[in-house]
Amino acid sequence: MKRSILVMALVAAITAGGMSAANAAQDMFLKIDGVQGDSLDRAHASEIDVLSWSWGATNSGTTQMGGGGGAGKTTFNDLTITKFVDSSSPVLFANLSTGKHMKTATLTVRNAGQRPVDYYTLTLNEVIISAIALSANSGDSRINESVTLDFASYTYTFLPLKADGTPKPAVVTKFSIMENRLL
């Protein structure tokens, strides 16, 4: 009996010790000028709760062709977020329908834990909604909504975290897609 308790305690300690911030959940929010979401989070009240998101870019390099190894113009993908249908949904669809320009949209990602920190922020400027898609299955409790944002420039901010969870100095990049240059 004592051996079973000892083994269970050892397994629990190893399992708990193996968990890290990389395995922990994170909270994600989207704040868009003129659009109110349903987030109840104190630090992100009335923003949009985000379930997932994706964004990226490509650049056609010529290093494999010999010569100087040049780079082409970067092609930026739109930012796509997935969320539940909420009070922001009709406004977002109206903005898509009319082609309304919004000054900024800010995606924020916060780590979980005892000291949550907004460690990733992507601020988009001169934003339009370029696509919306709704989806649901009969077994789903809520309707999913995918919203895609097109933008003219961005500010990418990342806060590296120390082992104790406190932030190090921010790493920031600003880029104008329209002007194809760092700001």
C-alpha atoms as a PDB file:
ATOM      1  CA  MET A   1       0.000   0.000   0.000  1.00  0.00           C
ATOM      2  CA  LYS A   2       2.778   2.411   0.943  1.00  0.00           C
ATOM      3  CA  ARG A   3       4.556   1.565  -2.300  1.00  0.00           C
ATOM      4  CA  SER A   4       1.415   2.385  -4.362  1.00  0.00           C
ATOM      5  CA  ILE A   5       1.054   5.747  -2.654  1.00  0.00           C
ATOM      6  CA  LEU A   6       4.747   6.473  -3.200  1.00  0.00           C
ATOM      7  CA  VAL A   7       4.490   5.568  -6.910  1.00  0.00           C
ATOM      8  CA  MET A   8       1.363   7.732  -7.352  1.00  0.00           C
ATOM      9  CA  ALA A   9       3.058  10.668  -5.599  1.00  0.00           C
ATOM     10  CA  LEU A  10       6.145  10.262  -7.782  1.00  0.00           C
ATOM     11  CA  VAL A  11       4.054  10.162 -10.987  1.00  0.00           C
ATOM     12  CA  ALA A  12       2.132  13.258  -9.878  1.00  0.00           C
ATOM     13  CA  ALA A  13       5.367  15.129  -9.110  1.00  0.00           C
ATOM     14  CA  ILE A  14       6.936  14.201 -12.456  1.00  0.00           C
ATOM     15  CA  THR A  15       3.777  15.170 -14.346  1.00  0.00           C
ATOM     16  CA  ALA A  16       3.467  18.510 -12.550  1.00  0.00           C
ATOM     17  CA  GLY A  17       7.172  19.223 -12.940  1.00  0.00           C
ATOM     18  CA  GLY A  18       6.981  18.527 -16.667  1.00  0.00           C
ATOM     19  CA  MET A  19       4.373  21.184 -17.264  1.00  0.00           C
ATOM     20  CA  SER A  20       5.673  24.492 -18.521  1.00  0.00           C
ATOM     21  CA  ALA A  21       4.319  27.757 -19.853  1.00  0.00           C
ATOM     22  CA  ALA A  22       4.703  26.306 -23.333  1.00  0.00           C
ATOM     23  CA  ASN A  23       2.085  23.688 -22.426  1.00  0.00           C
ATOM     24  CA  ALA A  24      -0.260  26.128 -20.729  1.00  0.00           C
ATOM     25  CA  ALA A  25      -3.309  27.759 -22.238  1.00  0.00           C
ATOM     26  CA  GLN A  26      -3.282  31.302 -23.487  1.00  0.00           C
ATOM     27  CA  ASP A  27      -5.936  33.982 -23.855  1.00  0.00           C
ATOM     28  CA  MET A  28      -6.373  35.871 -27.123  1.00  0.00           C
ATOM     29  CA  PHE A  29      -8.296  39.056 -27.847  1.00  0.00           C
ATOM     30  CA  LEU A  30      -9.016  41.309 -30.815  1.00  0.00           C
ATOM     31  CA  LYS A  31      -9.794  44.995 -30.392  1.00  0.00           C
ATOM     32  CA  ILE A  32     -11.119  46.800 -33.480  1.00  0.00           C
ATOM     33  CA  ASP A  33     -11.949  50.514 -33.594  1.00  0.00           C
ATOM     34  CA  GLY A  34     -15.720  50.984 -33.511  1.00  0.00           C
ATOM     35  CA  VAL A  35     -16.505  47.302 -32.874  1.00  0.00           C
ATOM     36  CA  GLN A  36     -17.542  46.069 -29.439  1.00  0.00           C
ATOM     37  CA  GLY A  37     -16.997  42.440 -28.484  1.00  0.00           C
ATOM     38  CA  ASP A  38     -18.281  40.377 -25.584  1.00  0.00           C
ATOM     39  CA  SER A  39     -15.089  39.703 -23.614  1.00  0.00           C
ATOM     40  CA  LEU A  40     -15.631  39.857 -19.872  1.00  0.00           C
ATOM     41  CA  ASP A  41     -11.909  39.868 -19.117  1.00  0.00           C
ATOM     42  CA  ARG A  42     -11.014  42.899 -16.950  1.00  0.00           C
ATOM     43  CA  ALA A  43      -7.950  43.852 -18.972  1.00  0.00           C
ATOM     44  CA  HIS A  44      -9.701  43.292 -22.320  1.00  0.00           C
ATOM     45  CA  ALA A  45     -13.318  44.168 -21.534  1.00  0.00           C
ATOM     46  CA  SER A  46     -15.591  44.539 -24.573  1.00  0.00           C
ATOM     47  CA  GLU A  47     -12.941  43.177 -26.923  1.00  0.00           C
ATOM     48  CA  ILE A  48     -13.499  40.099 -29.084  1.00  0.00           C
ATOM     49  CA  ASP A  49     -12.528  36.736 -27.564  1.00  0.00           C
ATOM     50  CA  VAL A  50     -10.373  34.908 -30.129  1.00  0.00           C
ATOM     51  CA  LEU A  51     -10.275  31.104 -30.379  1.00  0.00           C
ATOM     52  CA  SER A  52      -7.464  30.912 -32.941  1.00  0.00           C
ATOM     53  CA  TRP A  53      -5.665  33.047 -35.505  1.00  0.00           C
ATOM     54  CA  SER A  54      -3.202  32.829 -38.364  1.00  0.00           C
ATOM     55  CA  TRP A  55      -0.989  35.269 -40.230  1.00  0.00           C
ATOM     56  CA  GLY A  56       2.130  35.064 -42.316  1.00  0.00           C
ATOM     57  CA  ALA A  57       4.126  36.309 -45.273  1.00  0.00           C
ATOM     58  CA  THR A  58       6.256  34.971 -48.110  1.00  0.00           C
ATOM     59  CA  ASN A  59       9.258  36.306 -49.986  1.00  0.00           C
ATOM     60  CA  SER A  60      10.598  34.768 -53.176  1.00  0.00           C
ATOM     61  CA  GLY A  61      14.350  34.561 -52.705  1.00  0.00           C
ATOM     62  CA  THR A  62      16.825  33.699 -55.454  1.00  0.00           C
ATOM     63  CA  THR A  63      19.623  32.110 -53.414  1.00  0.00           C
ATOM     64  CA  GLN A  64      19.172  28.735 -55.131  1.00  0.00           C
ATOM     65  CA  MET A  65      19.568  30.264 -58.595  1.00  0.00           C
ATOM     66  CA  GLY A  66      23.175  31.351 -58.118  1.00  0.00           C
ATOM     67  CA  GLY A  67      24.415  34.900 -58.264  1.00  0.00           C
ATOM     68  CA  GLY A  68      23.906  37.384 -55.479  1.00  0.00           C
ATOM     69  CA  GLY A  69      20.979  35.710 -53.750  1.00  0.00           C
ATOM     70  CA  GLY A  70      18.439  38.526 -53.946  1.00  0.00           C
ATOM     71  CA  ALA A  71      15.031  38.781 -52.351  1.00  0.00           C
ATOM     72  CA  GLY A  72      11.754  39.782 -53.949  1.00  0.00           C
ATOM     73  CA  LYS A  73       8.962  41.878 -52.510  1.00  0.00           C
ATOM     74  CA  THR A  74       7.307  40.263 -49.526  1.00  0.00           C
ATOM     75  CA  THR A  75       3.692  39.211 -49.936  1.00  0.00           C
ATOM     76  CA  PHE A  76       1.726  39.549 -46.689  1.00  0.00           C
ATOM     77  CA  ASN A  77      -1.251  37.360 -45.885  1.00  0.00           C
ATOM     78  CA  ASP A  78      -4.315  38.855 -44.279  1.00  0.00           C
ATOM     79  CA  LEU A  79      -4.804  38.135 -40.564  1.00  0.00           C
ATOM     80  CA  THR A  80      -7.543  35.556 -40.007  1.00  0.00           C
ATOM     81  CA  ILE A  81      -9.110  35.024 -36.594  1.00  0.00           C
ATOM     82  CA  THR A  82     -11.657  32.445 -35.496  1.00  0.00           C
ATOM     83  CA  LYS A  83     -14.190  33.331 -32.825  1.00  0.00           C
ATOM     84  CA  PHE A  84     -17.694  32.492 -31.725  1.00  0.00           C
ATOM     85  CA  VAL A  85     -20.554  34.521 -33.169  1.00  0.00           C
ATOM     86  CA  ASP A  86     -21.171  37.356 -30.700  1.00  0.00           C
ATOM     87  CA  SER A  87     -22.438  40.940 -30.600  1.00  0.00           C
ATOM     88  CA  SER A  88     -19.544  42.052 -32.826  1.00  0.00           C
ATOM     89  CA  SER A  89     -20.659  39.750 -35.654  1.00  0.00           C
ATOM     90  CA  PRO A  90     -23.384  41.933 -37.236  1.00  0.00           C
ATOM     91  CA  VAL A  91     -21.102  45.002 -37.097  1.00  0.00           C
ATOM     92  CA  LEU A  92     -18.196  43.110 -38.658  1.00  0.00           C
ATOM     93  CA  PHE A  93     -20.474  41.827 -41.429  1.00  0.00           C
ATOM     94  CA  ALA A  94     -21.765  45.365 -42.061  1.00  0.00           C
ATOM     95  CA  ASN A  95     -18.172  46.640 -42.231  1.00  0.00           C
ATOM     96  CA  LEU A  96     -17.358  43.891 -44.742  1.00  0.00           C
ATOM     97  CA  SER A  97     -20.463  44.686 -46.794  1.00  0.00           C
ATOM     98  CA  THR A  98     -19.732  48.412 -46.999  1.00  0.00           C
ATOM     99  CA  GLY A  99     -15.938  48.203 -47.238  1.00  0.00           C
ATOM    100  CA  LYS A 100     -15.634  50.399 -44.152  1.00  0.00           C
ATOM    101  CA  HIS A 101     -12.070  51.341 -43.203  1.00  0.00           C
ATOM    102  CA  MET A 102     -11.154  51.045 -39.535  1.00  0.00           C
ATOM    103  CA  LYS A 103      -8.158  52.889 -38.134  1.00  0.00           C
ATOM    104  CA  THR A 104      -6.690  50.043 -36.049  1.00  0.00           C
ATOM    105  CA  ALA A 105      -7.190  46.464 -34.952  1.00  0.00           C
ATOM    106  CA  THR A 106      -5.047  44.924 -32.216  1.00  0.00           C
ATOM    107  CA  LEU A 107      -4.569  41.210 -31.621  1.00  0.00           C
ATOM    108  CA  THR A 108      -3.263  40.434 -28.132  1.00  0.00           C
ATOM    109  CA  VAL A 109      -2.060  37.086 -26.795  1.00  0.00           C
ATOM    110  CA  ARG A 110      -1.627  36.610 -23.048  1.00  0.00           C
ATOM    111  CA  ASN A 111       0.056  33.689 -21.333  1.00  0.00           C
ATOM    112  CA  ALA A 112      -1.690  31.831 -18.549  1.00  0.00           C
ATOM    113  CA  GLY A 113      -0.369  31.372 -15.047  1.00  0.00           C
ATOM    114  CA  GLN A 114      -0.017  33.303 -11.826  1.00  0.00           C
ATOM    115  CA  ARG A 115       1.452  36.345 -13.602  1.00  0.00           C
ATOM    116  CA  PRO A 116      -0.369  36.661 -16.929  1.00  0.00           C
ATOM    117  CA  VAL A 117       1.408  38.952 -19.403  1.00  0.00           C
ATOM    118  CA  ASP A 118       0.274  40.259 -22.791  1.00  0.00           C
ATOM    119  CA  TYR A 119       3.397  38.922 -24.474  1.00  0.00           C
ATOM    120  CA  TYR A 120       2.379  39.176 -28.147  1.00  0.00           C
ATOM    121  CA  THR A 121       0.667  42.164 -29.726  1.00  0.00           C
ATOM    122  CA  LEU A 122      -0.005  42.733 -33.405  1.00  0.00           C
ATOM    123  CA  THR A 123      -1.454  46.166 -34.176  1.00  0.00           C
ATOM    124  CA  LEU A 124      -2.832  46.601 -37.688  1.00  0.00           C
ATOM    125  CA  ASN A 125      -3.424  50.008 -39.267  1.00  0.00           C
ATOM    126  CA  GLU A 126      -5.889  51.072 -41.992  1.00  0.00           C
ATOM    127  CA  VAL A 127      -7.903  47.879 -41.687  1.00  0.00           C
ATOM    128  CA  ILE A 128     -10.742  46.484 -43.775  1.00  0.00           C
ATOM    129  CA  ILE A 129     -12.627  43.238 -43.308  1.00  0.00           C
ATOM    130  CA  SER A 130     -11.778  41.175 -46.402  1.00  0.00           C
ATOM    131  CA  ALA A 131     -13.767  38.002 -45.623  1.00  0.00           C
ATOM    132  CA  ILE A 132     -16.137  36.419 -43.126  1.00  0.00           C
ATOM    133  CA  ALA A 133     -17.186  32.765 -43.026  1.00  0.00           C
ATOM    134  CA  LEU A 134     -19.609  31.158 -40.584  1.00  0.00           C
ATOM    135  CA  SER A 135     -19.667  27.453 -39.757  1.00  0.00           C
ATOM    136  CA  ALA A 136     -21.477  25.118 -37.415  1.00  0.00           C
ATOM    137  CA  ASN A 137     -22.278  21.449 -36.973  1.00  0.00           C
ATOM    138  CA  SER A 138     -25.397  20.005 -35.383  1.00  0.00           C
ATOM    139  CA  GLY A 139     -23.364  18.935 -32.338  1.00  0.00           C
ATOM    140  CA  ASP A 140     -21.798  22.371 -31.788  1.00  0.00           C
ATOM    141  CA  SER A 141     -23.025  24.516 -28.921  1.00  0.00           C
ATOM    142  CA  ARG A 142     -22.130  27.756 -30.755  1.00  0.00           C
ATOM    143  CA  ILE A 143     -21.558  29.049 -34.277  1.00  0.00           C
ATOM    144  CA  ASN A 144     -17.939  29.618 -35.318  1.00  0.00           C
ATOM    145  CA  GLU A 145     -16.971  32.682 -37.302  1.00  0.00           C
ATOM    146  CA  SER A 146     -13.787  33.256 -39.275  1.00  0.00           C
ATOM    147  CA  VAL A 147     -12.954  36.934 -39.849  1.00  0.00           C
ATOM    148  CA  THR A 148     -10.160  38.040 -42.180  1.00  0.00           C
ATOM    149  CA  LEU A 149      -8.517  41.465 -41.905  1.00  0.00           C
ATOM    150  CA  ASP A 150      -6.543  43.268 -44.618  1.00  0.00           C
ATOM    151  CA  PHE A 151      -4.267  46.122 -43.510  1.00  0.00           C
ATOM    152  CA  ALA A 152      -1.744  48.705 -44.736  1.00  0.00           C
ATOM    153  CA  SER A 153       0.877  48.498 -41.964  1.00  0.00           C
ATOM    154  CA  TYR A 154       1.569  46.706 -38.719  1.00  0.00           C
ATOM    155  CA  THR A 155       3.394  46.960 -35.411  1.00  0.00           C
ATOM    156  CA  TYR A 156       4.602  43.587 -34.117  1.00  0.00           C
ATOM    157  CA  THR A 157       5.502  43.573 -30.403  1.00  0.00           C
ATOM    158  CA  PHE A 158       6.868  40.573 -28.530  1.00  0.00           C
ATOM    159  CA  LEU A 159       7.715  40.491 -24.821  1.00  0.00           C
ATOM    160  CA  PRO A 160      10.199  37.724 -24.020  1.00  0.00           C
ATOM    161  CA  LEU A 161       9.565  36.318 -20.561  1.00  0.00           C
ATOM    162  CA  LYS A 162      12.099  35.502 -17.855  1.00  0.00           C
ATOM    163  CA  ALA A 163      11.975  32.129 -16.093  1.00  0.00           C
ATOM    164  CA  ASP A 164       9.912  33.710 -13.295  1.00  0.00           C
ATOM    165  CA  GLY A 165       7.309  34.928 -15.828  1.00  0.00           C
ATOM    166  CA  THR A 166       8.185  38.619 -15.685  1.00  0.00           C
ATOM    167  CA  PRO A 167       8.754  40.353 -19.026  1.00  0.00           C
ATOM    168  CA  LYS A 168      12.071  41.370 -20.528  1.00  0.00           C
ATOM    169  CA  PRO A 169      12.277  44.494 -22.744  1.00  0.00           C
ATOM    170  CA  ALA A 170       9.949  44.413 -25.746  1.00  0.00           C
ATOM    171  CA  VAL A 171      11.119  43.568 -29.252  1.00  0.00           C
ATOM    172  CA  VAL A 172       9.196  45.762 -31.719  1.00  0.00           C
ATOM    173  CA  THR A 173       9.019  45.917 -35.510  1.00  0.00           C
ATOM    174  CA  LYS A 174       6.925  48.377 -37.522  1.00  0.00           C
ATOM    175  CA  PHE A 175       6.395  47.896 -41.253  1.00  0.00           C
ATOM    176  CA  SER A 176       4.393  49.670 -43.952  1.00  0.00           C
ATOM    177  CA  ILE A 177       3.107  47.180 -46.482  1.00  0.00           C
ATOM    178  CA  MET A 178       1.931  49.994 -48.753  1.00  0.00           C
ATOM    179  CA  GLU A 179       5.373  51.646 -48.771  1.00  0.00           C
ATOM    180  CA  ASN A 180       7.293  48.333 -48.510  1.00  0.00           C
ATOM    181  CA  ARG A 181       9.584  49.635 -45.761  1.00  0.00           C
ATOM    182  CA  LEU A 182      10.309  49.493 -42.050  1.00  0.00           C
ATOM    183  CA  LEU A 183       8.913  52.412 -40.083  1.00  0.00           C
END
